[in-house]
Structures are given as C-alpha cells and as structure tokens.
Amino acid sequence: MPEYAFRKVTTVKVLSVVGNRPQFIKSAPLSVALRERGIDEVTLHTGQHYDRELSDVFFEELGLGEPTYRLDAGGLPRDELLARVPPQIEDAIRAERPAWVLVYGDTNSTLAGARAGATAGVPVAHVEAGLRSGDWSMPEEHNRVETDRLAALLLCPDERSRANLLGEGASGRTEVVGDVMRDASERLAPIARRRSRALERFGVAGGRYVLATIHREANVRPDRLARIVDGLGRLDETVVFPAHPRTRAAVGGVPRNVKLSEPLGYLDLAALASQARVIVTDSGGLQKEAYWYGVPCVTARPSTEWVDTVELGANVLVDADPDRLETAVRAARMPDERPALYGDSRAAARIAEALSMLAPS
C-alpha cells in the first residue's frame, strides 16, 4: 500500500463502491453526511445484487441518488467477479480522479473496489474495518482481511476491531467511528413502523412471530438449507421468511408455519425485524440490528464477527443444527442489561470528517 500524508484539504471527491443490500443501507446516512461536509460523492453500483427488490428499491426507499456507474456483476462467481470488476472500477477511477475509493463491509464488491483503488494508486477507505470471525471457510473473512491490508484509512466500528488491526500490523490509519448501520437504523426504523403494512400483509402481530433471513453462500447449499428450514418448521410460531433469490431457488418446499416470500424493501424488513419475537439469520447486519431493536437473535452460522452480541447473551450461534435452532428460538430472551454497542449514531459524521483529512503525499 502506498504511503499517504493526512492533512486538511479544501475539495474532496469520493468514489463510493456499493453492490448489496447492507451497503445500500450504510451508504444512506453517509451520503447525507458527505454532502453536509461539502464532499462530492460519485456512486458506483457493481450490480452484485441484481434483483430489483435487492437493489433499485433501496435507492428509491432510502432516497439515494442514482448511481453514476452501474456494472453488471450480478450472479458472477467470486473469482470471476474479482477478475472482471476491478478493471471496470479502475476505468471509473481514471474518469473521476477521486481523492478516495470508499468501500463497505466484506462482500466481493468490497474487495473489488479495494483492489481497483490500490491498482489505480488512489487511497482506499474501508467502512467496518477490523471485523474478524476467525472462520476462514467464509469468503467474507478473506475479503475483510485483504481489504484491510489495502486500505489507507480503516474505519472501525469499535475498539475490538481496532485491536484486531493493531494485532495484525495493519499499515493504514485506524479510526474508531462507530457503525453507520446504527445511524441508518435509528433514523429509519421508526419511519418503517409507521409506514409499513408488512405485519398486516403476513397476518402477524408484533412480538408473536419469528423473522428468518438466510442468504450466505454456505447456507444456500441444499443440505444445510434443508436443516435450517427443518428447525424453523419445528416451531409453534409463524415464521416470516423473505428469501434472497438464490435461497428461493434452493429451498424447495417449506413447512406450513413458514411463510416464504419474495425479498422485501428495507422499510418492510425493518418493520418486521424491529417487532419480531426472535430473528433467525445469517446476516451480520441483522445481528446488529436485532440488538439495537431489543430483539433476541439466533444465528445460523458457526461463528460471527459481531462477537459482543454473543458474549452478552443477545445472540446464539447454532450453525445449521435444527435441534439447536429450535431450542435457541424457544428459549431466546434479551439480557436484562443491554449496554450500548457499536457507536452512538454519529458514525457517518465522523467518517465524513476523517475523509476530509487525507491527501496523497
């Protein structure tokens, strides 16, 4: 990674690379903060999530500007995406000449953006830097680590993440800023509960249903997905299960208590998540949101990057074991004490401030 000097600059342009649902959510409050800071943002959408309910609807519901660049990465396997997309992002970098390439999270699009920025000699800023699950079977873990090695500015959600980076000898500048998803969640969840009619549409009442979301590559293999659905089918509660397109393609039949649906827009999903009795998920974002909503979470993974939620007893890891899933959902309770985790809803403003401090040496 090239060395950069940090100093105040008068004009900053940022190329933001987004490609999936959580990144659209995270980019919403940050786009506002960038505008307020006088930073010019150009958005590039890789197309990694190509279904309208997983992509365009987020730009509509969250008030995001239309992306300047749209690529066509939807459905590409990881290796092919990482071969084809970085050169296309480099073309946008050469055209826009940004001061920053801004990437979010741990997706293949994240790593593609980081590689493109590094190749083009433009500093990379990584939102959610330093997260680690310790599970090297997940492509997301490889994406996180390589992105952090390439980034000049490492924007950490908490001190644990900063400690991870320091322990690894990361060369970028680390800043603990909190979590931009918390900014979005606190701003949008009340709006979602007022506007959404999702509970009525699914015929459920607040606190009397389970929300399930399963989308990670490992979990949509038919054998694992069948075990997870088996566990959901053993519950004596309605399970609302909005499904990612690849999940629907793999799931087959579902038990009578499981209401399988098309993907939902963010406001409907937030309304359902914030009023569920329990959330069952493999999503990192929903694990955090469940904690902020005060809803217990059961995670269908063997590990998580959001370790604090497990340590506090608000989140239980069950992998794809139907017995453990059933037991965990039945027993799920939020802890009596729920300390604040992952910032104070001012992460976007802190990130905008940090981005205004870097110029190439």
Protein backbone atom coordinates (compact mmCIF):
# COMPACT_ATOMS: atom_id res chain seq x y z
CA MET A 1 0.00 0.00 0.00
CA PRO A 2 1.40 3.48 -0.85
CA GLU A 3 2.07 5.89 1.99
CA TYR A 4 -0.18 8.90 2.39
CA ALA A 5 0.05 12.04 4.48
CA PHE A 6 -3.01 13.20 6.42
CA ARG A 7 -3.85 16.89 6.19
CA LYS A 8 -6.83 19.17 5.64
CA VAL A 9 -7.91 19.52 2.02
CA THR A 10 -10.35 22.04 0.56
CA THR A 11 -12.05 19.89 -2.06
CA VAL A 12 -12.67 16.15 -1.78
CA LYS A 13 -14.29 13.74 -4.22
CA VAL A 14 -15.17 10.22 -3.12
CA LEU A 15 -15.99 7.22 -5.32
CA SER A 16 -18.31 5.01 -3.25
CA VAL A 17 -18.49 1.36 -4.33
CA VAL A 18 -21.68 -0.46 -3.36
CA GLY A 19 -23.16 -3.73 -4.50
CA ASN A 20 -25.54 -5.33 -1.99
CA ARG A 21 -28.36 -4.68 0.45
CA PRO A 22 -26.36 -3.79 3.60
CA GLN A 23 -24.12 -1.47 1.62
CA PHE A 24 -27.10 0.48 0.30
CA ILE A 25 -28.35 0.91 3.87
CA LYS A 26 -24.95 2.00 5.17
CA SER A 27 -24.45 4.43 2.32
CA ALA A 28 -27.67 6.35 3.03
CA PRO A 29 -26.64 8.25 6.20
CA LEU A 30 -23.08 8.57 4.97
CA SER A 31 -24.19 10.15 1.68
CA VAL A 32 -26.05 12.78 3.70
CA ALA A 33 -23.02 13.40 5.92
CA LEU A 34 -20.73 13.71 2.90
CA ARG A 35 -22.99 16.33 1.33
CA GLU A 36 -23.16 18.25 4.60
CA ARG A 37 -19.37 18.19 4.75
CA GLY A 38 -19.08 19.52 1.19
CA ILE A 39 -17.65 16.27 -0.15
CA ASP A 40 -18.56 15.32 -3.73
CA GLU A 41 -19.71 11.70 -3.87
CA VAL A 42 -19.84 9.60 -7.03
CA THR A 43 -21.54 6.21 -6.59
CA LEU A 44 -20.65 3.03 -8.45
CA HIS A 45 -23.07 0.11 -8.16
CA THR A 46 -21.39 -3.16 -9.12
CA GLY A 47 -24.71 -4.92 -9.70
CA GLN A 48 -23.75 -7.76 -7.34
CA HIS A 49 -27.37 -7.74 -6.15
CA TYR A 50 -29.26 -7.52 -9.39
CA ASP A 51 -32.82 -8.32 -8.28
CA ARG A 52 -34.90 -5.16 -8.11
CA GLU A 53 -36.07 -5.88 -4.56
CA LEU A 54 -32.43 -6.20 -3.51
CA SER A 55 -31.15 -3.17 -5.37
CA ASP A 56 -33.24 -0.48 -7.07
CA VAL A 57 -35.84 -0.42 -4.31
CA PHE A 58 -33.15 0.63 -1.84
CA PHE A 59 -32.24 3.65 -3.90
CA GLU A 60 -35.93 4.56 -4.05
CA GLU A 61 -36.80 3.95 -0.38
CA LEU A 62 -33.65 5.38 1.16
CA GLY A 63 -33.53 8.45 -1.04
CA LEU A 64 -30.15 7.63 -2.52
CA GLY A 65 -29.04 9.39 -5.67
CA GLU A 66 -28.99 7.37 -8.86
CA PRO A 67 -25.57 5.69 -9.22
CA THR A 68 -23.30 7.37 -11.73
CA TYR A 69 -21.93 3.98 -12.75
CA ARG A 70 -23.77 0.66 -12.96
CA LEU A 71 -21.86 -2.52 -13.66
CA ASP A 72 -23.22 -5.98 -14.37
CA ALA A 73 -21.71 -8.26 -11.73
CA GLY A 74 -24.99 -9.95 -10.79
CA GLY A 75 -24.68 -13.70 -10.44
CA LEU A 76 -20.94 -13.86 -11.11
CA PRO A 77 -18.97 -16.39 -9.05
CA ARG A 78 -16.45 -14.80 -6.70
CA ASP A 79 -13.35 -15.50 -8.78
CA GLU A 80 -14.95 -14.25 -11.98
CA LEU A 81 -16.29 -11.11 -10.29
CA LEU A 82 -12.85 -10.34 -8.86
CA ALA A 83 -11.29 -10.81 -12.28
CA ARG A 84 -13.80 -8.74 -14.28
CA VAL A 85 -14.99 -5.96 -11.99
CA PRO A 86 -11.80 -4.27 -10.66
CA PRO A 87 -10.69 -3.13 -14.15
CA GLN A 88 -14.14 -1.61 -14.72
CA ILE A 89 -13.88 0.23 -11.41
CA GLU A 90 -10.41 1.41 -12.43
CA ASP A 91 -11.97 2.96 -15.54
CA ALA A 92 -14.35 4.95 -13.32
CA ILE A 93 -11.45 5.98 -11.07
CA ARG A 94 -9.49 7.29 -14.05
CA ALA A 95 -12.55 9.20 -15.28
CA GLU A 96 -13.46 10.73 -11.91
CA ARG A 97 -10.00 11.14 -10.32
CA PRO A 98 -11.36 10.87 -6.75
CA ALA A 99 -9.35 11.52 -3.61
CA TRP A 100 -10.82 8.33 -2.14
CA VAL A 101 -12.27 4.98 -3.06
CA LEU A 102 -14.78 4.18 -0.30
CA VAL A 103 -15.79 0.56 0.30
CA TYR A 104 -18.15 -1.04 2.81
CA GLY A 105 -18.15 -4.32 4.68
CA ASP A 106 -16.94 -7.67 3.40
CA THR A 107 -18.52 -8.54 0.06
CA ASN A 108 -16.85 -9.45 -3.22
CA SER A 109 -17.72 -5.92 -4.39
CA THR A 110 -15.85 -4.55 -1.37
CA LEU A 111 -12.68 -6.37 -2.32
CA ALA A 112 -13.09 -5.48 -6.00
CA GLY A 113 -13.26 -1.79 -5.06
CA ALA A 114 -10.24 -2.07 -2.78
CA ARG A 115 -8.15 -3.82 -5.42
CA ALA A 116 -9.13 -1.26 -8.04
CA GLY A 117 -8.21 1.65 -5.77
CA ALA A 118 -4.87 0.12 -4.86
CA THR A 119 -4.03 -0.60 -8.52
CA ALA A 120 -5.02 2.93 -9.55
CA GLY A 121 -2.96 4.46 -6.74
CA VAL A 122 -5.98 6.06 -5.04
CA PRO A 123 -6.29 5.63 -1.27
CA VAL A 124 -8.98 3.23 -0.08
CA ALA A 125 -11.18 3.87 2.96
CA HIS A 126 -12.83 0.79 4.48
CA VAL A 127 -16.04 1.13 6.49
CA GLU A 128 -16.35 -1.73 9.05
CA ALA A 129 -12.61 -2.34 9.10
CA GLY A 130 -11.08 -4.82 11.54
CA LEU A 131 -14.01 -7.20 11.95
CA ARG A 132 -12.98 -10.83 12.26
CA SER A 133 -14.98 -14.03 12.69
CA GLY A 134 -11.98 -16.39 12.62
CA ASP A 135 -13.82 -18.60 10.11
CA TRP A 136 -11.59 -18.97 7.06
CA SER A 137 -14.17 -21.14 5.30
CA MET A 138 -16.14 -17.94 4.64
CA PRO A 139 -15.15 -15.87 1.60
CA GLU A 140 -16.19 -12.81 3.61
CA GLU A 141 -13.32 -13.35 6.05
CA HIS A 142 -10.80 -13.38 3.20
CA ASN A 143 -12.42 -10.25 1.75
CA ARG A 144 -12.18 -8.40 5.09
CA VAL A 145 -8.55 -9.20 5.69
CA GLU A 146 -7.33 -8.36 2.18
CA THR A 147 -9.36 -5.15 2.07
CA ASP A 148 -7.87 -4.04 5.39
CA ARG A 149 -4.37 -4.70 4.08
CA LEU A 150 -5.05 -2.50 1.06
CA ALA A 151 -6.84 0.35 2.87
CA ALA A 152 -5.17 3.62 3.79
CA LEU A 153 -7.97 4.54 6.21
CA LEU A 154 -9.51 1.86 8.43
CA LEU A 155 -12.87 2.98 9.82
CA CYS A 156 -13.61 0.68 12.76
CA PRO A 157 -16.98 0.18 14.45
CA ASP A 158 -15.44 -0.47 17.88
CA GLU A 159 -12.24 -0.88 19.88
CA ARG A 160 -12.22 -4.65 19.38
CA SER A 161 -11.89 -4.09 15.64
CA ARG A 162 -9.08 -1.60 16.11
CA ALA A 163 -7.27 -4.09 18.36
CA ASN A 164 -7.60 -6.75 15.65
CA LEU A 165 -5.93 -4.44 13.13
CA LEU A 166 -3.16 -3.45 15.51
CA GLY A 167 -2.52 -7.12 16.27
CA GLU A 168 -2.20 -7.82 12.54
CA GLY A 169 0.16 -4.90 11.99
CA ALA A 170 -2.19 -3.10 9.59
CA SER A 171 -0.41 -0.18 7.95
CA GLY A 172 -3.43 2.06 7.39
CA ARG A 173 -4.60 4.75 9.76
CA THR A 174 -7.25 3.42 12.16
CA GLU A 175 -10.20 5.46 13.42
CA VAL A 176 -12.96 4.16 15.70
CA VAL A 177 -16.08 5.83 14.32
CA GLY A 178 -18.97 3.55 15.30
CA ASP A 179 -21.32 1.81 12.90
CA VAL A 180 -23.10 3.65 10.08
CA MET A 181 -25.81 0.98 10.07
CA ARG A 182 -26.78 2.15 13.53
CA ASP A 183 -27.15 5.67 12.11
CA ALA A 184 -29.49 4.27 9.45
CA SER A 185 -31.37 2.01 11.83
CA GLU A 186 -32.19 4.69 14.37
CA ARG A 187 -33.26 7.11 11.66
CA LEU A 188 -35.32 4.72 9.56
CA ALA A 189 -36.81 2.11 11.92
CA PRO A 190 -39.46 4.49 13.38
CA ILE A 191 -40.42 5.52 9.83
CA ALA A 192 -40.66 1.87 8.86
CA ARG A 193 -43.02 1.03 11.71
CA ARG A 194 -45.28 3.94 10.78
CA ARG A 195 -45.34 3.37 7.03
CA SER A 196 -45.02 -0.36 6.51
CA ARG A 197 -48.02 -2.67 6.32
CA ALA A 198 -45.86 -5.81 6.30
CA LEU A 199 -47.26 -7.23 9.55
CA GLU A 200 -50.81 -6.96 8.25
CA ARG A 201 -49.78 -8.44 4.91
CA PHE A 202 -48.29 -11.52 6.60
CA GLY A 203 -51.10 -11.74 9.16
CA VAL A 204 -48.84 -11.48 12.22
CA ALA A 205 -48.89 -9.40 15.40
CA GLY A 206 -45.95 -7.64 17.00
CA GLY A 207 -43.91 -9.93 19.28
CA ARG A 208 -45.70 -13.08 18.10
CA TYR A 209 -43.69 -14.29 15.13
CA VAL A 210 -40.16 -15.22 14.09
CA LEU A 211 -38.38 -13.42 11.24
CA ALA A 212 -35.90 -15.54 9.26
CA THR A 213 -33.38 -14.43 6.63
CA ILE A 214 -30.87 -16.85 5.11
CA HIS A 215 -28.67 -15.87 2.19
CA ARG A 216 -24.97 -16.67 2.72
CA GLU A 217 -23.34 -18.90 0.16
CA ALA A 218 -22.63 -21.74 2.61
CA ASN A 219 -26.22 -21.80 3.85
CA VAL A 220 -27.93 -21.98 0.48
CA ARG A 221 -26.40 -25.37 -0.26
CA PRO A 222 -29.45 -27.68 -0.28
CA ASP A 223 -28.27 -29.88 2.59
CA ARG A 224 -27.57 -27.04 5.02
CA LEU A 225 -30.63 -25.07 3.97
CA ALA A 226 -32.83 -28.12 4.50
CA ARG A 227 -31.57 -28.48 8.08
CA ILE A 228 -32.21 -24.82 8.83
CA VAL A 229 -35.73 -24.99 7.39
CA ASP A 230 -36.33 -28.19 9.36
CA GLY A 231 -35.50 -26.31 12.57
CA LEU A 232 -37.84 -23.47 11.61
CA GLY A 233 -40.61 -25.96 10.90
CA ARG A 234 -40.45 -27.36 14.43
CA LEU A 235 -41.51 -24.04 15.96
CA ASP A 236 -45.07 -23.44 17.08
CA GLU A 237 -44.94 -19.84 15.83
CA THR A 238 -45.35 -18.30 12.40
CA VAL A 239 -42.01 -17.78 10.67
CA VAL A 240 -41.88 -14.94 8.14
CA PHE A 241 -39.13 -15.83 5.68
CA PRO A 242 -38.38 -13.23 2.96
CA ALA A 243 -35.91 -15.05 0.73
CA HIS A 244 -32.99 -13.94 -1.37
CA PRO A 245 -33.37 -15.19 -4.98
CA ARG A 246 -30.69 -17.86 -4.60
CA THR A 247 -32.32 -19.02 -1.35
CA ARG A 248 -35.70 -19.41 -3.07
CA ALA A 249 -34.03 -21.38 -5.84
CA ALA A 250 -32.56 -23.86 -3.34
CA VAL A 251 -35.22 -24.13 -0.65
CA GLY A 252 -37.77 -26.48 -2.18
CA GLY A 253 -40.88 -26.90 -0.01
CA VAL A 254 -41.34 -25.26 3.38
CA PRO A 255 -43.33 -26.32 6.49
CA ARG A 256 -46.83 -24.94 7.00
CA ASN A 257 -45.77 -22.46 9.69
CA VAL A 258 -43.16 -20.85 7.39
CA LYS A 259 -44.38 -18.01 5.18
CA LEU A 260 -41.87 -17.82 2.33
CA SER A 261 -41.95 -14.58 0.37
CA GLU A 262 -40.08 -12.55 -2.19
CA PRO A 263 -37.35 -10.20 -0.88
CA LEU A 264 -38.63 -7.12 0.93
CA GLY A 265 -37.68 -3.49 0.72
CA TYR A 266 -35.74 -2.05 3.63
CA LEU A 267 -38.70 -0.36 5.33
CA ASP A 268 -40.80 -3.54 5.35
CA LEU A 269 -37.86 -5.61 6.57
CA ALA A 270 -37.06 -3.09 9.31
CA ALA A 271 -40.69 -3.06 10.43
CA LEU A 272 -40.74 -6.86 10.68
CA ALA A 273 -37.33 -7.12 12.35
CA SER A 274 -38.00 -4.48 14.97
CA GLN A 275 -41.29 -6.10 16.04
CA ALA A 276 -40.38 -9.81 15.86
CA ARG A 277 -40.11 -12.00 18.95
CA VAL A 278 -36.92 -13.57 17.60
CA ILE A 279 -34.79 -13.12 14.48
CA VAL A 280 -33.11 -16.15 12.86
CA THR A 281 -30.47 -15.06 10.37
CA ASP A 282 -27.05 -15.49 8.86
CA SER A 283 -26.78 -11.76 8.15
CA GLY A 284 -24.19 -9.74 10.02
CA GLY A 285 -26.27 -6.61 9.62
CA LEU A 286 -29.40 -8.16 11.11
CA GLN A 287 -27.44 -9.47 14.10
CA LYS A 288 -26.56 -5.89 14.99
CA GLU A 289 -29.98 -4.50 14.18
CA ALA A 290 -31.63 -7.16 16.35
CA TYR A 291 -29.52 -5.97 19.27
CA TRP A 292 -30.40 -2.32 18.69
CA TYR A 293 -34.10 -3.22 18.36
CA GLY A 294 -34.02 -5.25 21.58
CA VAL A 295 -34.97 -8.45 19.71
CA PRO A 296 -33.06 -11.69 20.54
CA CYS A 297 -31.17 -13.24 17.65
CA VAL A 298 -30.35 -16.81 16.65
CA THR A 299 -27.56 -17.00 14.07
CA ALA A 300 -27.36 -19.92 11.64
CA ARG A 301 -23.58 -19.79 11.41
CA PRO A 302 -20.76 -21.41 13.39
CA SER A 303 -19.12 -18.02 14.05
CA THR A 304 -19.77 -14.30 13.91
CA GLU A 305 -17.79 -11.11 13.52
CA TRP A 306 -20.18 -9.42 15.99
CA VAL A 307 -18.80 -11.27 19.00
CA ASP A 308 -20.12 -8.85 21.62
CA THR A 309 -23.74 -9.76 20.90
CA VAL A 310 -22.97 -13.42 21.67
CA GLU A 311 -20.94 -12.65 24.78
CA LEU A 312 -23.84 -10.62 26.17
CA GLY A 313 -26.35 -13.42 25.53
CA ALA A 314 -28.38 -11.47 22.98
CA ASN A 315 -27.30 -13.72 20.11
CA VAL A 316 -26.84 -17.51 19.96
CA LEU A 317 -24.82 -19.37 17.32
CA VAL A 318 -26.48 -22.61 16.20
CA ASP A 319 -24.75 -23.32 12.86
CA ALA A 320 -27.21 -25.38 10.75
CA ASP A 321 -28.28 -27.73 13.56
CA PRO A 322 -32.11 -27.97 13.63
CA ASP A 323 -32.17 -29.16 17.27
CA ARG A 324 -30.04 -26.26 18.47
CA LEU A 325 -32.01 -23.81 16.34
CA GLU A 326 -35.34 -24.96 17.78
CA THR A 327 -34.02 -24.88 21.37
CA ALA A 328 -32.41 -21.46 20.95
CA VAL A 329 -35.51 -19.86 19.41
CA ARG A 330 -37.80 -21.24 22.11
CA ALA A 331 -35.51 -20.00 24.89
CA ALA A 332 -34.48 -16.69 23.29
CA ARG A 333 -34.52 -13.70 25.61
CA MET A 334 -32.72 -10.38 25.63
CA PRO A 335 -30.36 -9.87 28.58
CA ASP A 336 -31.58 -7.66 31.40
CA GLU A 337 -28.66 -5.31 30.84
CA ARG A 338 -28.06 -4.17 27.28
CA PRO A 339 -25.02 -1.86 27.07
CA ALA A 340 -24.60 0.34 24.02
CA LEU A 341 -22.70 -1.40 21.22
CA TYR A 342 -21.15 -0.10 18.03
CA GLY A 343 -21.34 3.63 18.39
CA ASP A 344 -23.81 6.40 19.10
CA SER A 345 -25.48 7.14 15.74
CA ARG A 346 -22.81 9.67 14.73
CA ALA A 347 -20.60 7.35 12.71
CA ALA A 348 -21.42 8.96 9.36
CA ALA A 349 -20.37 12.41 10.55
CA ARG A 350 -17.11 11.02 11.93
CA ILE A 351 -16.35 9.22 8.66
CA ALA A 352 -17.01 12.38 6.64
CA GLU A 353 -14.62 14.25 8.93
CA ALA A 354 -11.94 11.58 8.54
CA LEU A 355 -12.25 11.60 4.76
CA SER A 356 -11.64 15.35 4.70
CA MET A 357 -8.26 14.81 6.40
CA LEU A 358 -6.37 12.78 3.78
CA ALA A 359 -4.44 13.85 0.73
CA PRO A 360 -1.84 11.81 -1.16
CA SER A 361 1.75 12.68 -0.31
